[in-house]
Structure formats: structure tokens, C-alpha cells
């Protein structure tokens, strides 16, 4: 099975769907968001710097993300993993291409969860109240959506040009969305 990237706007359910997909396919789930939150929780110097960036709605540098992600490829079964939260921009997509080449991974499947801005905002605000996340205020959401449009939408276009993107509607029940993703992946295996 090809490695899988889950893309989509903030609050589109990338983490939830990636986690479920990893369980359903019995593969490793590599979440940059979780890795970053773990660093923040540890209150390391790096974690404090990350917290400062994320709480303002900024992204962490490409180099830092790459340093967090690269060692994880050694732990995964090279072709069997799901990336969630990476790549977020063209620079990271190019870094990922180099890593895939380094580990001799020829193909990649990209799932793009689509969702409109209103639904994104509602979901993130709900998540903020349920999980007490400081990185989910209206102002931060607006900024994260702007950053998504400017930096991550070009990544989706980059992978579309390579014929790697599968669009999945991010609206609906979690299980329905997961079933749609699984159906598309199973179809691509045949």
C-alpha cells in the first residue's frame, strides 16, 4: 500500500480520519500536530517556542517540522504510514519528495478533505470548548484559514498535477467519511 497524506483545511477532520484510517489499515499514523503538542506539553525550550508560534496561528518552520518527521520514517514500515499535518506548504512537499526518494517509496496517495469556511469555523470553535485548546480562537481560526489558502492549497495543486489527489467531502458523520476514504483506497489497490 502507498503511504497516504491527509490534507484539508483546519478543522476538516484530518487527525480524526488519519487516526481511524491507521487503525483500519493497521499502519502507523504520523501526526505533526500531535508531535508539536507533545513538545509543548513537555515545556522544553523547543516546546515553548512552538507554543508561542501556534497560539498566534503561525506555522512552525519547515526545518523544525522536517526534523520531527524524518526520524519517524525509520520507525514506520516504509510504505505503510499516514501523514497528517505534513506537508503544509510547497517547501515541505519538496522535502517529503526527497525523503520518499531516499527511502525508495515510489508512490503516494493524497486524500483532500473538503469543507467550507463556515463549517471549519464552527468545528474548530466546538473543538476549542471541548478540548480547551488555546490555539482555536476566532482570530486564530481566521489567520489559520488565510495561511491554509496561501500555503497549503498550492500543495494540493502540486499533488493534483501529479495525479495523486482524491477529493473526499469532509461533511457528514465521522464513520461515513471514513467509509468513503476506505472505499477509494480499496478501489485504488485493485
C-alpha atoms as a PDB file:
ATOM      1  CA  UNK A   1       0.000   0.000   0.000  1.00  0.00           C
ATOM      2  CA  UNK A   2       1.188   3.509  -0.808  1.00  0.00           C
ATOM      3  CA  UNK A   3       1.828   5.960   2.005  1.00  0.00           C
ATOM      4  CA  UNK A   4      -1.122   8.311   2.489  1.00  0.00           C
ATOM      5  CA  UNK A   5      -1.236  12.044   3.173  1.00  0.00           C
ATOM      6  CA  UNK A   6      -4.396  13.574   4.632  1.00  0.00           C
ATOM      7  CA  UNK A   7      -4.839  17.231   3.645  1.00  0.00           C
ATOM      8  CA  UNK A   8      -7.636  19.713   4.211  1.00  0.00           C
ATOM      9  CA  UNK A   9      -8.369  22.999   5.931  1.00  0.00           C
ATOM     10  CA  UNK A  10      -8.030  23.389   9.698  1.00  0.00           C
ATOM     11  CA  UNK A  11     -10.877  21.585  11.444  1.00  0.00           C
ATOM     12  CA  UNK A  12     -11.679  19.353   8.458  1.00  0.00           C
ATOM     13  CA  UNK A  13     -11.111  16.201  10.483  1.00  0.00           C
ATOM     14  CA  UNK A  14      -7.653  15.291   9.194  1.00  0.00           C
ATOM     15  CA  UNK A  15      -6.445  13.985  12.545  1.00  0.00           C
ATOM     16  CA  UNK A  16      -9.603  12.038  13.289  1.00  0.00           C
ATOM     17  CA  UNK A  17      -9.733  10.469   9.837  1.00  0.00           C
ATOM     18  CA  UNK A  18      -5.995   9.712   9.795  1.00  0.00           C
ATOM     19  CA  UNK A  19      -6.207   8.013  13.186  1.00  0.00           C
ATOM     20  CA  UNK A  20      -9.193   5.886  12.138  1.00  0.00           C
ATOM     21  CA  UNK A  21      -7.597   5.061   8.808  1.00  0.00           C
ATOM     22  CA  UNK A  22      -4.374   3.968  10.516  1.00  0.00           C
ATOM     23  CA  UNK A  23      -6.367   1.610  12.749  1.00  0.00           C
ATOM     24  CA  UNK A  24      -8.464   0.276   9.863  1.00  0.00           C
ATOM     25  CA  UNK A  25      -5.410  -0.334   7.667  1.00  0.00           C
ATOM     26  CA  UNK A  26      -3.104  -1.340  10.521  1.00  0.00           C
ATOM     27  CA  UNK A  27      -0.442   1.244   9.641  1.00  0.00           C
ATOM     28  CA  UNK A  28       1.426   3.988  11.521  1.00  0.00           C
ATOM     29  CA  UNK A  29      -0.171   7.417  11.914  1.00  0.00           C
ATOM     30  CA  UNK A  30       2.411  10.236  11.848  1.00  0.00           C
ATOM     31  CA  UNK A  31       0.753  13.428  13.120  1.00  0.00           C
ATOM     32  CA  UNK A  32       2.807  16.610  13.177  1.00  0.00           C
ATOM     33  CA  UNK A  33       0.135  18.284  15.304  1.00  0.00           C
ATOM     34  CA  UNK A  34       0.458  15.593  17.974  1.00  0.00           C
ATOM     35  CA  UNK A  35       4.250  15.740  17.846  1.00  0.00           C
ATOM     36  CA  UNK A  36       4.143  19.512  18.307  1.00  0.00           C
ATOM     37  CA  UNK A  37       1.611  19.319  21.160  1.00  0.00           C
ATOM     38  CA  UNK A  38       3.803  16.708  22.888  1.00  0.00           C
ATOM     39  CA  UNK A  39       6.759  19.117  22.744  1.00  0.00           C
ATOM     40  CA  UNK A  40       4.578  21.906  24.182  1.00  0.00           C
ATOM     41  CA  UNK A  41       3.344  19.637  26.965  1.00  0.00           C
ATOM     42  CA  UNK A  42       6.936  18.759  27.913  1.00  0.00           C
ATOM     43  CA  UNK A  43       7.622  22.527  28.300  1.00  0.00           C
ATOM     44  CA  UNK A  44      11.013  22.179  26.642  1.00  0.00           C
ATOM     45  CA  UNK A  45      12.690  25.237  25.144  1.00  0.00           C
ATOM     46  CA  UNK A  46      11.547  23.933  21.766  1.00  0.00           C
ATOM     47  CA  UNK A  47       8.040  23.333  23.132  1.00  0.00           C
ATOM     48  CA  UNK A  48       7.782  26.918  24.432  1.00  0.00           C
ATOM     49  CA  UNK A  49       8.891  28.288  21.066  1.00  0.00           C
ATOM     50  CA  UNK A  50       6.352  26.071  19.283  1.00  0.00           C
ATOM     51  CA  UNK A  51       3.602  27.161  21.707  1.00  0.00           C
ATOM     52  CA  UNK A  52       4.375  30.817  21.030  1.00  0.00           C
ATOM     53  CA  UNK A  53       4.024  30.288  17.271  1.00  0.00           C
ATOM     54  CA  UNK A  54       0.918  28.079  17.358  1.00  0.00           C
ATOM     55  CA  UNK A  55      -1.011  30.256  19.830  1.00  0.00           C
ATOM     56  CA  UNK A  56      -0.705  33.133  17.328  1.00  0.00           C
ATOM     57  CA  UNK A  57      -1.876  30.932  14.458  1.00  0.00           C
ATOM     58  CA  UNK A  58       1.571  30.747  12.846  1.00  0.00           C
ATOM     59  CA  UNK A  59       3.089  27.574  11.492  1.00  0.00           C
ATOM     60  CA  UNK A  60       6.327  26.097  12.802  1.00  0.00           C
ATOM     61  CA  UNK A  61       9.338  26.343  10.451  1.00  0.00           C
ATOM     62  CA  UNK A  62       9.758  23.770   7.699  1.00  0.00           C
ATOM     63  CA  UNK A  63      13.146  22.722   9.025  1.00  0.00           C
ATOM     64  CA  UNK A  64      11.763  22.054  12.509  1.00  0.00           C
ATOM     65  CA  UNK A  65       8.859  20.015  11.139  1.00  0.00           C
ATOM     66  CA  UNK A  66      11.229  18.073   8.910  1.00  0.00           C
ATOM     67  CA  UNK A  67      13.499  17.341  11.882  1.00  0.00           C
ATOM     68  CA  UNK A  68      10.476  15.975  13.774  1.00  0.00           C
ATOM     69  CA  UNK A  69       9.191  13.877  10.853  1.00  0.00           C
ATOM     70  CA  UNK A  70      12.344  12.440   9.249  1.00  0.00           C
ATOM     71  CA  UNK A  71      13.334  10.055  12.091  1.00  0.00           C
ATOM     72  CA  UNK A  72       9.815   8.639  12.136  1.00  0.00           C
ATOM     73  CA  UNK A  73      10.266   7.181   8.651  1.00  0.00           C
ATOM     74  CA  UNK A  74      12.834   4.809  10.138  1.00  0.00           C
ATOM     75  CA  UNK A  75      10.202   3.555  12.601  1.00  0.00           C
ATOM     76  CA  UNK A  76       7.490   3.023  10.008  1.00  0.00           C
ATOM     77  CA  UNK A  77       7.099   0.188   7.546  1.00  0.00           C
ATOM     78  CA  UNK A  78       8.364   2.496   4.789  1.00  0.00           C
ATOM     79  CA  UNK A  79       5.276   2.161   2.556  1.00  0.00           C
ATOM     80  CA  UNK A  80       2.645   1.815   5.263  1.00  0.00           C
ATOM     81  CA  UNK A  81       2.022   5.068   7.051  1.00  0.00           C
ATOM     82  CA  UNK A  82      -0.364   8.004   7.100  1.00  0.00           C
ATOM     83  CA  UNK A  83       0.895  11.581   7.340  1.00  0.00           C
ATOM     84  CA  UNK A  84      -1.399  14.109   8.952  1.00  0.00           C
ATOM     85  CA  UNK A  85      -0.404  17.777   9.057  1.00  0.00           C
ATOM     86  CA  UNK A  86       2.541  17.415   6.703  1.00  0.00           C
ATOM     87  CA  UNK A  87       3.278  18.763   4.139  1.00  0.00           C
ATOM     88  CA  UNK A  88       1.653  22.153   4.738  1.00  0.00           C
ATOM     89  CA  UNK A  89       3.490  24.094   2.032  1.00  0.00           C
ATOM     90  CA  UNK A  90       5.391  23.552  -1.211  1.00  0.00           C
ATOM     91  CA  UNK A  91       8.769  23.573   0.546  1.00  0.00           C
ATOM     92  CA  UNK A  92       7.625  20.736   2.829  1.00  0.00           C
ATOM     93  CA  UNK A  93       6.161  18.845  -0.145  1.00  0.00           C
ATOM     94  CA  UNK A  94       9.556  19.020  -1.861  1.00  0.00           C
ATOM     95  CA  UNK A  95      11.273  17.882   1.367  1.00  0.00           C
ATOM     96  CA  UNK A  96       8.853  14.962   1.512  1.00  0.00           C
ATOM     97  CA  UNK A  97       9.612  14.059  -2.114  1.00  0.00           C
ATOM     98  CA  UNK A  98      13.311  13.826  -1.204  1.00  0.00           C
ATOM     99  CA  UNK A  99      12.565  11.626   1.812  1.00  0.00           C
ATOM    100  CA  UNK A 100      10.328   9.341  -0.249  1.00  0.00           C
ATOM    101  CA  UNK A 101      13.114   9.040  -2.803  1.00  0.00           C
ATOM    102  CA  UNK A 102      15.652   8.385  -0.010  1.00  0.00           C
ATOM    103  CA  UNK A 103      13.509   5.528   1.303  1.00  0.00           C
ATOM    104  CA  UNK A 104      12.701   4.312  -2.240  1.00  0.00           C
ATOM    105  CA  UNK A 105       8.962   4.933  -1.913  1.00  0.00           C
ATOM    106  CA  UNK A 106       7.674   5.422  -5.476  1.00  0.00           C
ATOM    107  CA  UNK A 107       4.026   6.351  -4.958  1.00  0.00           C
ATOM    108  CA  UNK A 108       1.906   8.407  -2.622  1.00  0.00           C
ATOM    109  CA  UNK A 109      -1.862   8.761  -2.163  1.00  0.00           C
ATOM    110  CA  UNK A 110      -3.214  12.171  -1.141  1.00  0.00           C
ATOM    111  CA  UNK A 111      -6.658  12.458   0.447  1.00  0.00           C
ATOM    112  CA  UNK A 112      -8.007  16.021   0.429  1.00  0.00           C
ATOM    113  CA  UNK A 113     -10.891  16.572   2.860  1.00  0.00           C
ATOM    114  CA  UNK A 114     -13.004  19.427   1.526  1.00  0.00           C
ATOM    115  CA  UNK A 115     -15.027  21.724   3.781  1.00  0.00           C
ATOM    116  CA  UNK A 116     -16.366  25.288   3.556  1.00  0.00           C
ATOM    117  CA  UNK A 117     -15.104  28.089   5.832  1.00  0.00           C
ATOM    118  CA  UNK A 118     -18.312  28.351   7.868  1.00  0.00           C
ATOM    119  CA  UNK A 119     -18.193  24.660   8.782  1.00  0.00           C
ATOM    120  CA  UNK A 120     -14.464  24.914   9.516  1.00  0.00           C
ATOM    121  CA  UNK A 121     -15.047  27.766  11.961  1.00  0.00           C
ATOM    122  CA  UNK A 122     -17.954  26.015  13.700  1.00  0.00           C
ATOM    123  CA  UNK A 123     -15.995  22.786  14.094  1.00  0.00           C
ATOM    124  CA  UNK A 124     -12.892  24.468  15.461  1.00  0.00           C
ATOM    125  CA  UNK A 125     -14.842  26.575  17.964  1.00  0.00           C
ATOM    126  CA  UNK A 126     -16.659  23.460  19.151  1.00  0.00           C
ATOM    127  CA  UNK A 127     -13.342  21.615  19.479  1.00  0.00           C
ATOM    128  CA  UNK A 128     -11.873  24.571  21.391  1.00  0.00           C
ATOM    129  CA  UNK A 129     -14.588  24.387  24.031  1.00  0.00           C
ATOM    130  CA  UNK A 130     -14.455  20.585  24.287  1.00  0.00           C
ATOM    131  CA  UNK A 131     -10.673  20.197  24.375  1.00  0.00           C
ATOM    132  CA  UNK A 132      -9.711  23.556  25.915  1.00  0.00           C
ATOM    133  CA  UNK A 133      -7.258  24.311  23.108  1.00  0.00           C
ATOM    134  CA  UNK A 134      -5.765  27.817  23.224  1.00  0.00           C
ATOM    135  CA  UNK A 135      -4.945  27.704  19.510  1.00  0.00           C
ATOM    136  CA  UNK A 136      -8.632  27.768  18.496  1.00  0.00           C
ATOM    137  CA  UNK A 137      -9.961  31.353  18.902  1.00  0.00           C
ATOM    138  CA  UNK A 138     -11.920  33.129  16.111  1.00  0.00           C
ATOM    139  CA  UNK A 139      -8.979  35.393  15.330  1.00  0.00           C
ATOM    140  CA  UNK A 140      -6.558  32.464  15.187  1.00  0.00           C
ATOM    141  CA  UNK A 141      -9.017  30.463  13.038  1.00  0.00           C
ATOM    142  CA  UNK A 142      -9.233  33.324  10.541  1.00  0.00           C
ATOM    143  CA  UNK A 143      -5.446  33.544  10.381  1.00  0.00           C
ATOM    144  CA  UNK A 144      -5.054  29.764  10.037  1.00  0.00           C
ATOM    145  CA  UNK A 145      -7.537  29.764   7.129  1.00  0.00           C
ATOM    146  CA  UNK A 146      -5.556  32.554   5.418  1.00  0.00           C
ATOM    147  CA  UNK A 147      -2.319  30.612   5.913  1.00  0.00           C
ATOM    148  CA  UNK A 148      -4.034  27.444   4.618  1.00  0.00           C
ATOM    149  CA  UNK A 149      -5.154  29.233   1.444  1.00  0.00           C
ATOM    150  CA  UNK A 150      -1.767  30.796   0.866  1.00  0.00           C
ATOM    151  CA  UNK A 151       0.472  27.849   1.758  1.00  0.00           C
ATOM    152  CA  UNK A 152      -1.417  24.539   1.748  1.00  0.00           C
ATOM    153  CA  UNK A 153      -3.805  24.952  -1.179  1.00  0.00           C
ATOM    154  CA  UNK A 154      -0.769  25.146  -3.516  1.00  0.00           C
ATOM    155  CA  UNK A 155       0.354  21.773  -2.078  1.00  0.00           C
ATOM    156  CA  UNK A 156      -2.990  20.292  -3.095  1.00  0.00           C
ATOM    157  CA  UNK A 157      -2.481  21.733  -6.593  1.00  0.00           C
ATOM    158  CA  UNK A 158       1.078  20.353  -6.635  1.00  0.00           C
ATOM    159  CA  UNK A 159      -0.186  16.816  -5.942  1.00  0.00           C
ATOM    160  CA  UNK A 160      -3.153  17.218  -8.322  1.00  0.00           C
ATOM    161  CA  UNK A 161      -0.687  17.869 -11.145  1.00  0.00           C
ATOM    162  CA  UNK A 162       0.959  14.561 -10.227  1.00  0.00           C
ATOM    163  CA  UNK A 163      -2.434  12.815 -10.329  1.00  0.00           C
ATOM    164  CA  UNK A 164      -2.231  11.871  -6.647  1.00  0.00           C
ATOM    165  CA  UNK A 165      -5.216  13.714  -5.090  1.00  0.00           C
ATOM    166  CA  UNK A 166      -8.506  12.098  -4.135  1.00  0.00           C
ATOM    167  CA  UNK A 167     -11.170  14.587  -3.028  1.00  0.00           C
ATOM    168  CA  UNK A 168     -13.389  13.498  -0.128  1.00  0.00           C
ATOM    169  CA  UNK A 169     -16.254  15.604   1.198  1.00  0.00           C
ATOM    170  CA  UNK A 170     -15.432  16.407   4.833  1.00  0.00           C
ATOM    171  CA  UNK A 171     -19.092  16.991   5.742  1.00  0.00           C
ATOM    172  CA  UNK A 172     -21.013  14.207   7.377  1.00  0.00           C
ATOM    173  CA  UNK A 173     -20.599  11.715  10.160  1.00  0.00           C
ATOM    174  CA  UNK A 174     -17.086  10.608  11.008  1.00  0.00           C
ATOM    175  CA  UNK A 175     -17.867   6.980  10.118  1.00  0.00           C
ATOM    176  CA  UNK A 176     -19.383   7.924   6.741  1.00  0.00           C
ATOM    177  CA  UNK A 177     -16.341   9.978   5.787  1.00  0.00           C
ATOM    178  CA  UNK A 178     -14.061   7.110   6.867  1.00  0.00           C
ATOM    179  CA  UNK A 179     -16.095   4.642   4.795  1.00  0.00           C
ATOM    180  CA  UNK A 180     -15.711   6.935   1.752  1.00  0.00           C
ATOM    181  CA  UNK A 181     -11.948   7.123   2.262  1.00  0.00           C
ATOM    182  CA  UNK A 182     -11.631   3.363   2.694  1.00  0.00           C
ATOM    183  CA  UNK A 183     -13.717   2.705  -0.426  1.00  0.00           C
ATOM    184  CA  UNK A 184     -11.462   4.959  -2.510  1.00  0.00           C
ATOM    185  CA  UNK A 185      -8.287   3.402  -1.127  1.00  0.00           C
ATOM    186  CA  UNK A 186      -9.544  -0.149  -1.681  1.00  0.00           C
ATOM    187  CA  UNK A 187     -10.539   0.815  -5.226  1.00  0.00           C
ATOM    188  CA  UNK A 188      -7.039   2.197  -5.879  1.00  0.00           C
ATOM    189  CA  UNK A 189      -5.493  -1.099  -4.704  1.00  0.00           C
ATOM    190  CA  UNK A 190      -7.385  -3.062  -7.396  1.00  0.00           C
END
